[in-house]
N, C-alpha and C. Protein backbone atom coordinates (compact mmCIF):
# COMPACT_ATOMS: atom_id res chain seq x y z
N MET A 1 39.21 -20.19 28.07
CA MET A 1 38.85 -19.21 27.25
C MET A 1 38.51 -17.90 27.86
N ALA A 2 37.83 -18.01 29.07
CA ALA A 2 37.31 -16.88 29.87
C ALA A 2 38.75 -16.04 30.25
N ASN A 3 39.77 -16.88 30.72
CA ASN A 3 41.11 -16.43 31.04
C ASN A 3 41.66 -15.64 29.78
N GLN A 4 41.62 -16.17 28.66
CA GLN A 4 42.17 -15.49 27.49
C GLN A 4 41.36 -13.96 27.17
N ILE A 5 40.23 -14.10 27.35
CA ILE A 5 39.46 -12.82 27.25
C ILE A 5 39.67 -11.75 28.54
N GLY A 6 39.91 -12.36 29.56
CA GLY A 6 40.17 -11.41 30.73
C GLY A 6 41.65 -11.01 30.63
N ASN A 7 42.61 -11.52 29.81
CA ASN A 7 43.81 -10.99 29.72
C ASN A 7 44.09 -9.79 28.75
N HIS A 8 42.99 -9.58 28.00
CA HIS A 8 43.03 -8.25 27.07
C HIS A 8 42.46 -7.13 27.70
N SER A 9 42.89 -5.98 27.27
CA SER A 9 42.14 -4.72 27.79
C SER A 9 40.90 -4.39 27.17
N PRO A 10 39.87 -3.71 27.61
CA PRO A 10 38.67 -3.39 27.12
C PRO A 10 38.81 -2.75 25.50
N GLN A 11 40.02 -1.82 25.41
CA GLN A 11 40.19 -1.35 24.19
C GLN A 11 40.61 -2.50 23.11
N THR A 12 41.50 -3.37 23.54
CA THR A 12 41.92 -4.30 22.61
C THR A 12 40.81 -5.19 22.21
N LEU A 13 39.72 -5.55 23.18
CA LEU A 13 38.44 -6.34 22.76
C LEU A 13 37.66 -5.44 21.86
N LEU A 14 37.63 -4.25 21.92
CA LEU A 14 36.70 -3.36 21.12
C LEU A 14 37.36 -3.42 19.80
N ILE A 15 38.75 -3.39 19.60
CA ILE A 15 39.40 -3.24 18.37
C ILE A 15 39.30 -4.62 17.50
N ILE A 16 39.36 -5.75 18.41
CA ILE A 16 39.00 -6.95 17.83
C ILE A 16 37.70 -7.23 17.12
N THR A 17 36.74 -6.67 18.14
CA THR A 17 35.37 -6.94 17.70
C THR A 17 35.08 -5.98 16.43
N LEU A 18 35.58 -4.87 16.35
CA LEU A 18 35.23 -4.04 15.19
C LEU A 18 36.01 -4.53 14.04
N ILE A 19 37.19 -5.09 14.00
CA ILE A 19 37.92 -5.83 12.83
C ILE A 19 37.04 -6.96 12.50
N SER A 20 36.70 -7.72 13.35
CA SER A 20 35.74 -8.90 12.97
C SER A 20 34.50 -8.59 12.32
N LEU A 21 33.88 -7.50 12.94
CA LEU A 21 32.61 -7.07 12.30
C LEU A 21 32.78 -6.54 10.78
N LEU A 22 33.88 -5.63 10.67
CA LEU A 22 34.38 -5.11 9.47
C LEU A 22 34.55 -6.20 8.50
N SER A 23 35.48 -7.15 8.87
CA SER A 23 35.54 -8.36 7.85
C SER A 23 34.17 -9.12 7.47
N ILE A 24 33.43 -9.40 8.46
CA ILE A 24 32.13 -10.08 8.12
C ILE A 24 31.32 -9.28 7.11
N SER A 25 31.31 -7.91 7.33
CA SER A 25 30.51 -6.98 6.60
C SER A 25 31.11 -6.90 5.15
N LYS A 26 32.42 -6.80 5.05
CA LYS A 26 33.12 -6.79 3.70
C LYS A 26 32.69 -8.19 3.06
N SER A 27 32.65 -9.24 3.69
CA SER A 27 32.34 -10.49 3.11
C SER A 27 31.07 -10.60 2.66
N PHE A 28 30.01 -10.11 3.30
CA PHE A 28 28.74 -10.08 2.86
C PHE A 28 28.49 -9.05 1.60
N HIS A 29 29.13 -7.96 1.60
CA HIS A 29 29.10 -7.02 0.58
C HIS A 29 29.49 -7.53 -0.49
N GLU A 30 30.76 -7.94 -0.65
CA GLU A 30 31.28 -8.61 -1.77
C GLU A 30 30.49 -9.83 -2.41
N THR A 31 29.93 -10.61 -1.66
CA THR A 31 29.12 -11.65 -2.18
C THR A 31 27.84 -11.07 -2.81
N GLY A 32 27.30 -9.90 -2.09
CA GLY A 32 26.12 -9.42 -2.55
C GLY A 32 26.47 -8.77 -3.99
N ALA A 33 27.45 -8.09 -4.10
CA ALA A 33 27.94 -7.23 -5.28
C ALA A 33 28.01 -8.21 -6.43
N GLN A 34 28.42 -9.65 -6.26
CA GLN A 34 28.68 -10.58 -7.40
C GLN A 34 27.25 -11.03 -7.68
N GLU A 35 26.25 -11.22 -6.85
CA GLU A 35 24.89 -11.71 -7.32
C GLU A 35 23.78 -10.80 -7.25
N THR A 36 24.05 -9.53 -7.32
CA THR A 36 22.96 -8.68 -7.10
C THR A 36 22.05 -8.83 -8.12
N GLY A 37 22.41 -8.68 -9.49
CA GLY A 37 21.55 -8.83 -10.68
C GLY A 37 20.74 -9.91 -10.60
N LYS A 38 21.16 -11.11 -10.74
CA LYS A 38 20.29 -12.36 -10.79
C LYS A 38 19.62 -12.82 -9.51
N ALA A 39 20.24 -12.36 -8.53
CA ALA A 39 19.65 -12.66 -7.27
C ALA A 39 18.44 -11.59 -7.02
N LEU A 40 18.74 -10.44 -7.38
CA LEU A 40 17.49 -9.60 -7.40
C LEU A 40 16.38 -9.94 -8.04
N ILE A 41 16.66 -10.26 -9.45
CA ILE A 41 15.82 -10.59 -10.49
C ILE A 41 15.08 -11.69 -9.80
N GLU A 42 15.63 -12.85 -9.23
CA GLU A 42 14.98 -13.97 -8.64
C GLU A 42 14.11 -13.84 -7.57
N SER A 43 14.67 -13.09 -6.67
CA SER A 43 13.94 -12.81 -5.46
C SER A 43 12.78 -11.85 -5.62
N THR A 44 12.98 -11.07 -6.69
CA THR A 44 11.72 -9.99 -6.98
C THR A 44 10.53 -10.71 -7.69
N CYS A 45 11.04 -11.78 -8.70
CA CYS A 45 9.98 -12.41 -9.47
C CYS A 45 9.37 -13.68 -8.64
N LYS A 46 9.93 -13.94 -7.61
CA LYS A 46 9.50 -15.01 -6.73
C LYS A 46 8.28 -14.52 -6.03
N LYS A 47 8.08 -13.10 -6.05
CA LYS A 47 6.92 -12.59 -5.43
C LYS A 47 5.78 -12.27 -6.27
N THR A 48 6.00 -12.83 -7.64
CA THR A 48 4.86 -12.43 -8.51
C THR A 48 4.14 -13.78 -8.68
N GLU A 49 3.17 -13.46 -9.43
CA GLU A 49 2.30 -14.74 -9.84
C GLU A 49 2.91 -15.70 -10.81
N TYR A 50 3.66 -15.18 -11.70
CA TYR A 50 4.27 -16.15 -12.89
C TYR A 50 5.72 -15.81 -12.92
N PRO A 51 6.48 -16.33 -11.61
CA PRO A 51 7.78 -16.11 -11.65
C PRO A 51 8.83 -16.59 -12.89
N GLU A 52 8.47 -17.53 -13.42
CA GLU A 52 9.34 -18.17 -14.51
C GLU A 52 9.38 -17.00 -15.81
N GLU A 53 7.97 -16.58 -16.07
CA GLU A 53 7.98 -15.68 -17.08
C GLU A 53 8.50 -14.17 -16.83
N CYS A 54 8.46 -13.99 -15.57
CA CYS A 54 9.07 -12.70 -14.97
C CYS A 54 10.47 -12.71 -14.97
N ILE A 55 11.21 -13.79 -14.74
CA ILE A 55 12.62 -13.99 -14.75
C ILE A 55 12.96 -13.96 -16.07
N SER A 56 12.48 -14.74 -16.98
CA SER A 56 12.79 -14.69 -18.50
C SER A 56 12.53 -13.36 -19.04
N ALA A 57 11.66 -12.64 -18.81
CA ALA A 57 11.34 -11.20 -19.31
C ALA A 57 12.35 -10.35 -18.94
N LEU A 58 12.67 -10.36 -17.60
CA LEU A 58 13.86 -9.29 -17.07
C LEU A 58 15.14 -9.68 -17.50
N GLU A 59 15.41 -10.90 -17.45
CA GLU A 59 16.74 -11.48 -17.93
C GLU A 59 16.92 -11.18 -19.52
N SER A 60 16.00 -10.91 -20.18
CA SER A 60 16.07 -10.78 -21.68
C SER A 60 16.58 -9.34 -21.92
N ASP A 61 16.54 -8.38 -20.91
CA ASP A 61 16.99 -7.07 -21.02
C ASP A 61 18.47 -7.19 -20.19
N PRO A 62 19.62 -6.96 -20.90
CA PRO A 62 20.88 -7.15 -20.19
C PRO A 62 21.13 -5.99 -19.11
N SER A 63 20.30 -4.84 -19.16
CA SER A 63 20.60 -3.87 -18.09
C SER A 63 19.95 -4.25 -16.79
N SER A 64 19.01 -5.29 -16.79
CA SER A 64 18.49 -5.84 -15.67
C SER A 64 19.37 -6.32 -14.60
N PHE A 65 20.54 -6.77 -15.09
CA PHE A 65 21.65 -7.27 -14.18
C PHE A 65 22.21 -6.38 -13.41
N LYS A 66 22.13 -5.21 -13.84
CA LYS A 66 22.90 -4.07 -13.03
C LYS A 66 21.95 -3.27 -12.27
N ALA A 67 20.57 -3.57 -12.45
CA ALA A 67 19.42 -2.54 -11.93
C ALA A 67 19.10 -2.90 -10.54
N ASN A 68 18.78 -1.92 -9.84
CA ASN A 68 18.19 -2.08 -8.51
C ASN A 68 16.69 -2.36 -8.76
N LEU A 69 15.96 -2.46 -7.51
CA LEU A 69 14.50 -2.85 -7.71
C LEU A 69 13.68 -1.78 -8.48
N THR A 70 13.91 -0.40 -8.31
CA THR A 70 13.37 0.58 -9.28
C THR A 70 13.67 0.33 -10.74
N GLY A 71 14.81 0.12 -10.93
CA GLY A 71 15.28 -0.24 -12.47
C GLY A 71 14.55 -1.35 -13.11
N LEU A 72 14.61 -2.41 -12.14
CA LEU A 72 13.91 -3.69 -12.54
C LEU A 72 12.40 -3.38 -12.85
N THR A 73 11.75 -2.56 -11.94
CA THR A 73 10.48 -2.34 -12.29
C THR A 73 10.10 -1.56 -13.45
N ARG A 74 11.10 -0.71 -13.76
CA ARG A 74 10.76 0.19 -15.19
C ARG A 74 10.93 -0.85 -16.25
N ILE A 75 11.91 -1.72 -16.20
CA ILE A 75 12.31 -2.80 -17.24
C ILE A 75 10.90 -3.59 -17.28
N ALA A 76 10.16 -3.99 -16.30
CA ALA A 76 9.12 -4.80 -16.30
C ALA A 76 7.86 -3.97 -17.00
N VAL A 77 7.82 -2.66 -16.70
CA VAL A 77 6.90 -1.75 -17.22
C VAL A 77 7.04 -1.60 -18.69
N GLN A 78 8.38 -1.54 -19.06
CA GLN A 78 8.81 -1.35 -20.53
C GLN A 78 8.45 -2.75 -21.36
N LYS A 79 8.71 -3.77 -20.77
CA LYS A 79 8.31 -5.06 -21.28
C LYS A 79 6.80 -5.30 -21.46
N SER A 80 6.03 -4.78 -20.62
CA SER A 80 4.66 -4.77 -20.87
C SER A 80 4.30 -3.85 -22.07
N GLU A 81 4.90 -2.65 -22.07
CA GLU A 81 4.51 -1.91 -23.30
C GLU A 81 4.78 -2.67 -24.43
N SER A 82 6.21 -3.08 -24.64
CA SER A 82 6.58 -3.74 -25.89
C SER A 82 5.83 -5.00 -26.20
N LYS A 83 5.33 -5.82 -25.30
CA LYS A 83 4.33 -6.89 -25.46
C LYS A 83 3.04 -6.29 -25.90
N LEU A 84 2.73 -5.34 -25.40
CA LEU A 84 1.24 -4.69 -25.87
C LEU A 84 1.46 -4.29 -27.16
N VAL A 85 2.41 -3.61 -27.82
CA VAL A 85 2.60 -3.23 -29.02
C VAL A 85 2.66 -4.49 -29.94
N GLU A 86 3.40 -5.48 -29.46
CA GLU A 86 3.48 -6.75 -30.34
C GLU A 86 2.14 -7.48 -30.45
N THR A 87 1.44 -7.35 -29.45
CA THR A 87 0.06 -8.09 -29.35
C THR A 87 -0.84 -7.22 -30.30
N LEU A 88 -0.75 -5.98 -30.12
CA LEU A 88 -1.71 -5.16 -31.02
C LEU A 88 -1.32 -5.35 -32.47
N ASN A 89 -0.05 -5.50 -32.94
CA ASN A 89 0.31 -5.73 -34.30
C ASN A 89 -0.31 -7.15 -34.73
N ILE A 90 -0.33 -8.12 -33.87
CA ILE A 90 -0.78 -9.54 -34.14
C ILE A 90 -2.35 -9.40 -34.45
N VAL A 91 -2.97 -8.66 -33.36
CA VAL A 91 -4.52 -8.49 -33.62
C VAL A 91 -4.85 -7.67 -34.71
N THR A 92 -4.09 -6.69 -35.08
CA THR A 92 -4.45 -5.71 -36.39
C THR A 92 -4.19 -6.98 -37.46
N ASN A 93 -3.12 -7.56 -37.50
CA ASN A 93 -2.92 -8.40 -38.62
C ASN A 93 -4.15 -9.54 -38.89
N TYR A 94 -4.58 -10.02 -37.76
CA TYR A 94 -5.97 -10.82 -37.79
C TYR A 94 -7.03 -10.09 -38.35
N VAL A 95 -7.29 -8.83 -37.83
CA VAL A 95 -8.43 -7.95 -38.31
C VAL A 95 -8.38 -7.86 -39.92
N LEU A 96 -7.07 -7.58 -40.30
CA LEU A 96 -6.95 -7.28 -41.84
C LEU A 96 -7.27 -8.47 -42.57
N ASN A 97 -7.03 -9.63 -42.10
CA ASN A 97 -7.09 -11.07 -42.93
C ASN A 97 -8.39 -11.73 -42.55
N SER A 98 -9.19 -11.26 -41.57
CA SER A 98 -10.34 -12.09 -41.22
C SER A 98 -11.43 -12.11 -42.43
N THR A 99 -12.06 -13.22 -42.53
CA THR A 99 -13.08 -13.43 -43.56
C THR A 99 -14.50 -13.57 -42.86
N ASP A 100 -14.48 -13.87 -41.60
CA ASP A 100 -15.70 -14.20 -40.93
C ASP A 100 -16.13 -12.80 -40.15
N TYR A 101 -17.38 -12.38 -40.36
CA TYR A 101 -17.81 -11.04 -39.85
C TYR A 101 -17.92 -11.02 -38.41
N LEU A 102 -18.27 -12.11 -37.87
CA LEU A 102 -18.66 -12.08 -36.26
C LEU A 102 -17.07 -12.25 -35.72
N THR A 103 -16.16 -12.92 -36.14
CA THR A 103 -14.64 -12.98 -35.66
C THR A 103 -14.17 -11.56 -35.88
N TRP A 104 -14.34 -11.10 -37.10
CA TRP A 104 -13.77 -9.74 -37.41
C TRP A 104 -14.23 -8.75 -36.45
N GLY A 105 -15.47 -8.79 -36.00
CA GLY A 105 -16.04 -7.89 -34.96
C GLY A 105 -15.44 -7.92 -33.61
N PHE A 106 -15.17 -9.30 -33.21
CA PHE A 106 -14.39 -9.49 -31.81
C PHE A 106 -12.88 -9.14 -31.93
N LEU A 107 -12.38 -9.31 -33.13
CA LEU A 107 -10.91 -8.81 -33.22
C LEU A 107 -10.98 -7.21 -33.22
N VAL A 108 -11.85 -6.60 -33.94
CA VAL A 108 -11.97 -5.12 -33.87
C VAL A 108 -12.05 -4.65 -32.54
N PHE A 109 -12.80 -5.39 -31.57
CA PHE A 109 -12.95 -4.93 -30.16
C PHE A 109 -11.87 -5.04 -29.46
N CYS A 110 -11.07 -6.26 -29.78
CA CYS A 110 -9.79 -6.45 -29.14
C CYS A 110 -8.68 -5.26 -29.54
N ARG A 111 -8.53 -5.06 -30.93
CA ARG A 111 -7.60 -4.10 -31.44
C ARG A 111 -7.95 -2.85 -30.79
N ASP A 112 -9.24 -2.36 -30.67
CA ASP A 112 -9.55 -1.05 -30.19
C ASP A 112 -9.28 -1.06 -28.59
N SER A 113 -9.56 -2.14 -27.97
CA SER A 113 -9.15 -2.21 -26.46
C SER A 113 -7.62 -1.98 -26.32
N TYR A 114 -7.02 -2.76 -27.14
CA TYR A 114 -5.38 -2.67 -26.91
C TYR A 114 -4.91 -1.19 -27.51
N ASN A 115 -5.50 -0.64 -28.52
CA ASN A 115 -5.06 0.38 -28.99
C ASN A 115 -5.35 1.59 -28.02
N ALA A 116 -6.37 1.52 -27.29
CA ALA A 116 -6.70 2.62 -26.25
C ALA A 116 -5.78 2.43 -25.16
N SER A 117 -5.23 1.34 -24.96
CA SER A 117 -4.26 1.21 -23.68
C SER A 117 -2.98 1.58 -24.12
N VAL A 118 -2.61 1.71 -25.32
CA VAL A 118 -1.26 2.22 -25.50
C VAL A 118 -0.83 3.60 -24.99
N PRO A 119 -1.67 4.56 -25.12
CA PRO A 119 -1.15 5.93 -24.49
C PRO A 119 -1.28 5.75 -22.99
N GLN A 120 -2.11 4.94 -22.47
CA GLN A 120 -2.18 4.89 -20.96
C GLN A 120 -0.95 4.19 -20.31
N ILE A 121 -0.43 3.14 -20.98
CA ILE A 121 0.98 2.56 -20.57
C ILE A 121 2.21 3.57 -20.88
N GLN A 122 2.02 4.31 -21.97
CA GLN A 122 3.09 5.32 -22.20
C GLN A 122 3.05 6.36 -21.24
N GLU A 123 1.99 6.81 -20.86
CA GLU A 123 1.78 7.81 -19.72
C GLU A 123 2.33 7.29 -18.43
N GLY A 124 2.06 5.96 -18.23
CA GLY A 124 2.62 5.18 -17.02
C GLY A 124 4.09 5.06 -17.08
N LEU A 125 4.71 4.87 -18.04
CA LEU A 125 6.17 4.90 -18.33
C LEU A 125 6.57 6.52 -17.86
N GLN A 126 6.02 7.55 -18.55
CA GLN A 126 6.48 8.84 -18.12
C GLN A 126 6.13 9.16 -16.66
N ALA A 127 5.17 8.59 -16.08
CA ALA A 127 4.94 8.87 -14.56
C ALA A 127 5.90 8.07 -13.77
N PHE A 128 6.43 6.94 -14.27
CA PHE A 128 7.34 6.14 -13.59
C PHE A 128 8.70 7.08 -13.39
N ASP A 129 9.16 7.66 -14.64
CA ASP A 129 10.22 8.21 -14.54
C ASP A 129 10.33 9.77 -13.56
N LYS A 130 8.87 9.95 -13.29
CA LYS A 130 8.70 11.17 -12.34
C LYS A 130 8.48 10.61 -10.92
N LEU A 131 8.57 9.15 -10.80
CA LEU A 131 8.57 8.41 -9.55
C LEU A 131 7.10 8.50 -9.18
N GLU A 132 6.23 8.71 -9.97
CA GLU A 132 4.57 8.58 -9.67
C GLU A 132 4.33 7.23 -10.09
N PHE A 133 4.65 6.20 -8.90
CA PHE A 133 4.55 4.83 -9.29
C PHE A 133 2.94 4.43 -9.27
N GLU A 134 2.10 5.11 -8.59
CA GLU A 134 0.61 4.81 -8.54
C GLU A 134 -0.02 5.02 -10.12
N LYS A 135 0.52 6.13 -10.55
CA LYS A 135 0.09 6.28 -12.16
C LYS A 135 0.81 5.41 -13.10
N SER A 136 1.60 5.06 -12.71
CA SER A 136 2.52 3.97 -13.55
C SER A 136 1.67 2.75 -13.50
N TYR A 137 1.45 2.37 -12.23
CA TYR A 137 0.63 1.18 -12.03
C TYR A 137 -0.77 1.07 -12.98
N ARG A 138 -1.48 2.45 -12.77
CA ARG A 138 -2.66 2.42 -13.40
C ARG A 138 -2.63 2.20 -14.80
N GLY A 139 -1.43 2.70 -15.49
CA GLY A 139 -1.18 2.60 -16.94
C GLY A 139 -0.81 0.97 -17.31
N VAL A 140 -0.16 0.27 -16.46
CA VAL A 140 -0.17 -1.12 -16.69
C VAL A 140 -1.38 -1.93 -16.53
N GLU A 141 -2.09 -1.22 -15.28
CA GLU A 141 -3.38 -2.14 -15.18
C GLU A 141 -4.34 -1.82 -16.29
N ALA A 142 -4.26 -0.85 -17.14
CA ALA A 142 -5.33 -0.50 -18.01
C ALA A 142 -4.96 -1.61 -19.19
N VAL A 143 -3.68 -1.76 -19.50
CA VAL A 143 -3.35 -2.94 -20.31
C VAL A 143 -3.90 -4.33 -19.89
N ASN A 144 -3.70 -4.70 -18.64
CA ASN A 144 -4.22 -5.86 -18.10
C ASN A 144 -5.66 -6.00 -18.20
N LYS A 145 -6.50 -4.95 -18.04
CA LYS A 145 -7.87 -4.91 -18.29
C LYS A 145 -8.32 -5.16 -19.64
N ALA A 146 -7.55 -4.49 -20.54
CA ALA A 146 -7.85 -4.61 -22.00
C ALA A 146 -7.73 -6.11 -22.31
N VAL A 147 -6.60 -6.79 -21.79
CA VAL A 147 -6.36 -8.19 -22.12
C VAL A 147 -7.68 -9.04 -21.63
N VAL A 148 -8.08 -8.69 -20.40
CA VAL A 148 -9.31 -9.43 -19.84
C VAL A 148 -10.50 -9.21 -20.74
N ALA A 149 -10.85 -8.02 -21.08
CA ALA A 149 -11.85 -7.64 -22.02
C ALA A 149 -11.82 -8.33 -23.22
N CYS A 150 -10.68 -8.53 -23.87
CA CYS A 150 -10.39 -9.06 -25.07
C CYS A 150 -10.61 -10.48 -24.93
N ASP A 151 -10.06 -11.18 -23.84
CA ASP A 151 -10.26 -12.52 -23.75
C ASP A 151 -11.68 -13.00 -23.62
N LYS A 152 -12.37 -12.18 -23.03
CA LYS A 152 -13.69 -12.65 -23.09
C LYS A 152 -14.64 -12.84 -24.22
N GLN A 153 -13.93 -12.26 -25.44
CA GLN A 153 -14.35 -12.38 -26.55
C GLN A 153 -14.33 -13.92 -27.18
N GLY A 154 -13.48 -14.72 -26.42
CA GLY A 154 -13.28 -16.09 -26.65
C GLY A 154 -12.64 -16.46 -28.03
N LEU A 155 -11.76 -15.50 -28.41
CA LEU A 155 -11.03 -15.91 -29.66
C LEU A 155 -9.88 -16.64 -29.37
N LYS A 156 -9.98 -18.10 -29.81
CA LYS A 156 -8.93 -18.87 -29.49
C LYS A 156 -7.61 -18.54 -30.17
N MET A 157 -7.62 -17.89 -31.39
CA MET A 157 -6.55 -17.62 -31.99
C MET A 157 -5.61 -16.53 -31.15
N LEU A 158 -6.25 -15.95 -30.26
CA LEU A 158 -5.39 -14.87 -29.38
C LEU A 158 -5.13 -15.47 -28.06
N SER A 159 -5.58 -16.63 -27.67
CA SER A 159 -5.35 -17.10 -26.37
C SER A 159 -3.83 -17.11 -25.94
N GLN A 160 -2.96 -17.47 -26.75
CA GLN A 160 -1.65 -17.53 -26.27
C GLN A 160 -1.00 -16.07 -26.18
N VAL A 161 -1.22 -15.31 -27.10
CA VAL A 161 -0.68 -13.81 -27.04
C VAL A 161 -1.34 -13.19 -25.84
N ASN A 162 -2.69 -13.33 -25.60
CA ASN A 162 -3.44 -12.67 -24.45
C ASN A 162 -2.73 -13.14 -22.97
N SER A 163 -2.34 -14.37 -22.98
CA SER A 163 -1.99 -15.11 -21.95
C SER A 163 -0.72 -14.50 -21.58
N LEU A 164 0.15 -14.34 -22.66
CA LEU A 164 1.50 -13.72 -22.41
C LEU A 164 1.46 -12.31 -22.01
N LEU A 165 0.60 -11.61 -22.51
CA LEU A 165 0.34 -10.31 -22.16
C LEU A 165 -0.08 -10.18 -20.87
N PHE A 166 -1.11 -10.90 -20.46
CA PHE A 166 -1.81 -10.86 -19.10
C PHE A 166 -0.77 -11.15 -18.11
N ARG A 167 0.06 -12.11 -18.32
CA ARG A 167 1.05 -12.56 -17.32
C ARG A 167 2.14 -11.58 -16.97
N ILE A 168 2.59 -10.98 -18.13
CA ILE A 168 3.79 -9.93 -17.97
C ILE A 168 3.09 -8.57 -17.17
N THR A 169 1.94 -8.30 -17.60
CA THR A 169 1.55 -7.12 -16.88
C THR A 169 1.15 -7.25 -15.56
N LYS A 170 0.52 -8.44 -15.21
CA LYS A 170 0.25 -8.97 -13.88
C LYS A 170 1.32 -8.86 -12.96
N ASP A 171 2.51 -9.33 -13.53
CA ASP A 171 3.76 -9.43 -12.82
C ASP A 171 4.38 -8.04 -12.63
N ALA A 172 4.30 -7.19 -13.77
CA ALA A 172 4.56 -5.76 -13.49
C ALA A 172 3.85 -5.02 -12.57
N MET A 173 2.59 -5.32 -12.51
CA MET A 173 1.71 -4.74 -11.36
C MET A 173 2.24 -5.02 -10.02
N THR A 174 2.61 -6.58 -9.93
CA THR A 174 3.04 -6.90 -8.51
C THR A 174 4.33 -6.26 -8.22
N ILE A 175 5.16 -6.09 -9.22
CA ILE A 175 6.49 -5.62 -8.89
C ILE A 175 6.44 -4.00 -8.52
N LEU A 176 5.44 -3.46 -9.27
CA LEU A 176 5.15 -1.90 -8.96
C LEU A 176 4.79 -1.94 -7.50
N ASP A 177 4.03 -2.99 -7.17
CA ASP A 177 3.40 -2.80 -5.63
C ASP A 177 4.44 -2.79 -4.72
N LEU A 178 5.64 -3.38 -5.09
CA LEU A 178 6.75 -3.35 -4.05
C LEU A 178 7.42 -1.91 -3.98
N LEU A 179 7.19 -1.10 -4.84
CA LEU A 179 7.72 0.17 -4.65
C LEU A 179 6.89 1.23 -3.89
N PHE A 180 5.58 0.79 -3.45
CA PHE A 180 4.82 1.56 -2.77
C PHE A 180 5.27 1.61 -1.22
């Protein structure tokens, strides 16, 4: 084999090497282009605390399959906002239908906490669009703190929705950290 290499001029070896490198590079690029969406979602979500929920949330938005990391992050923040609004509606419904005064008081606390975090996450989305990721993080963090405060009220009827909201915001915060 050494004799075969020795028979080629340096220019020929250089050309062979460059063609080989271009072929390998093209092969990697084509494979990456085919798997970018799902592969990026999975690799990003593996870095979160709740990867299964993260994957499920991101894959529920068809645009995530074409998104880069910044796009995925925005989708995660949007999912946090929509889950917050959904949770707020559930809590409000419980407030309106509560018959026990003590439970009603705890529910009102939760409703007010969630209600106060709505403008914060909306500001976080606006900040995200201006590439102000730290401010966006604070908006998602405000929702996460509202969940923790509500959960401390010990309302079993909210444990599932609080858990889902906590997990999605926690994962969104982790993904936002990847942009810093």
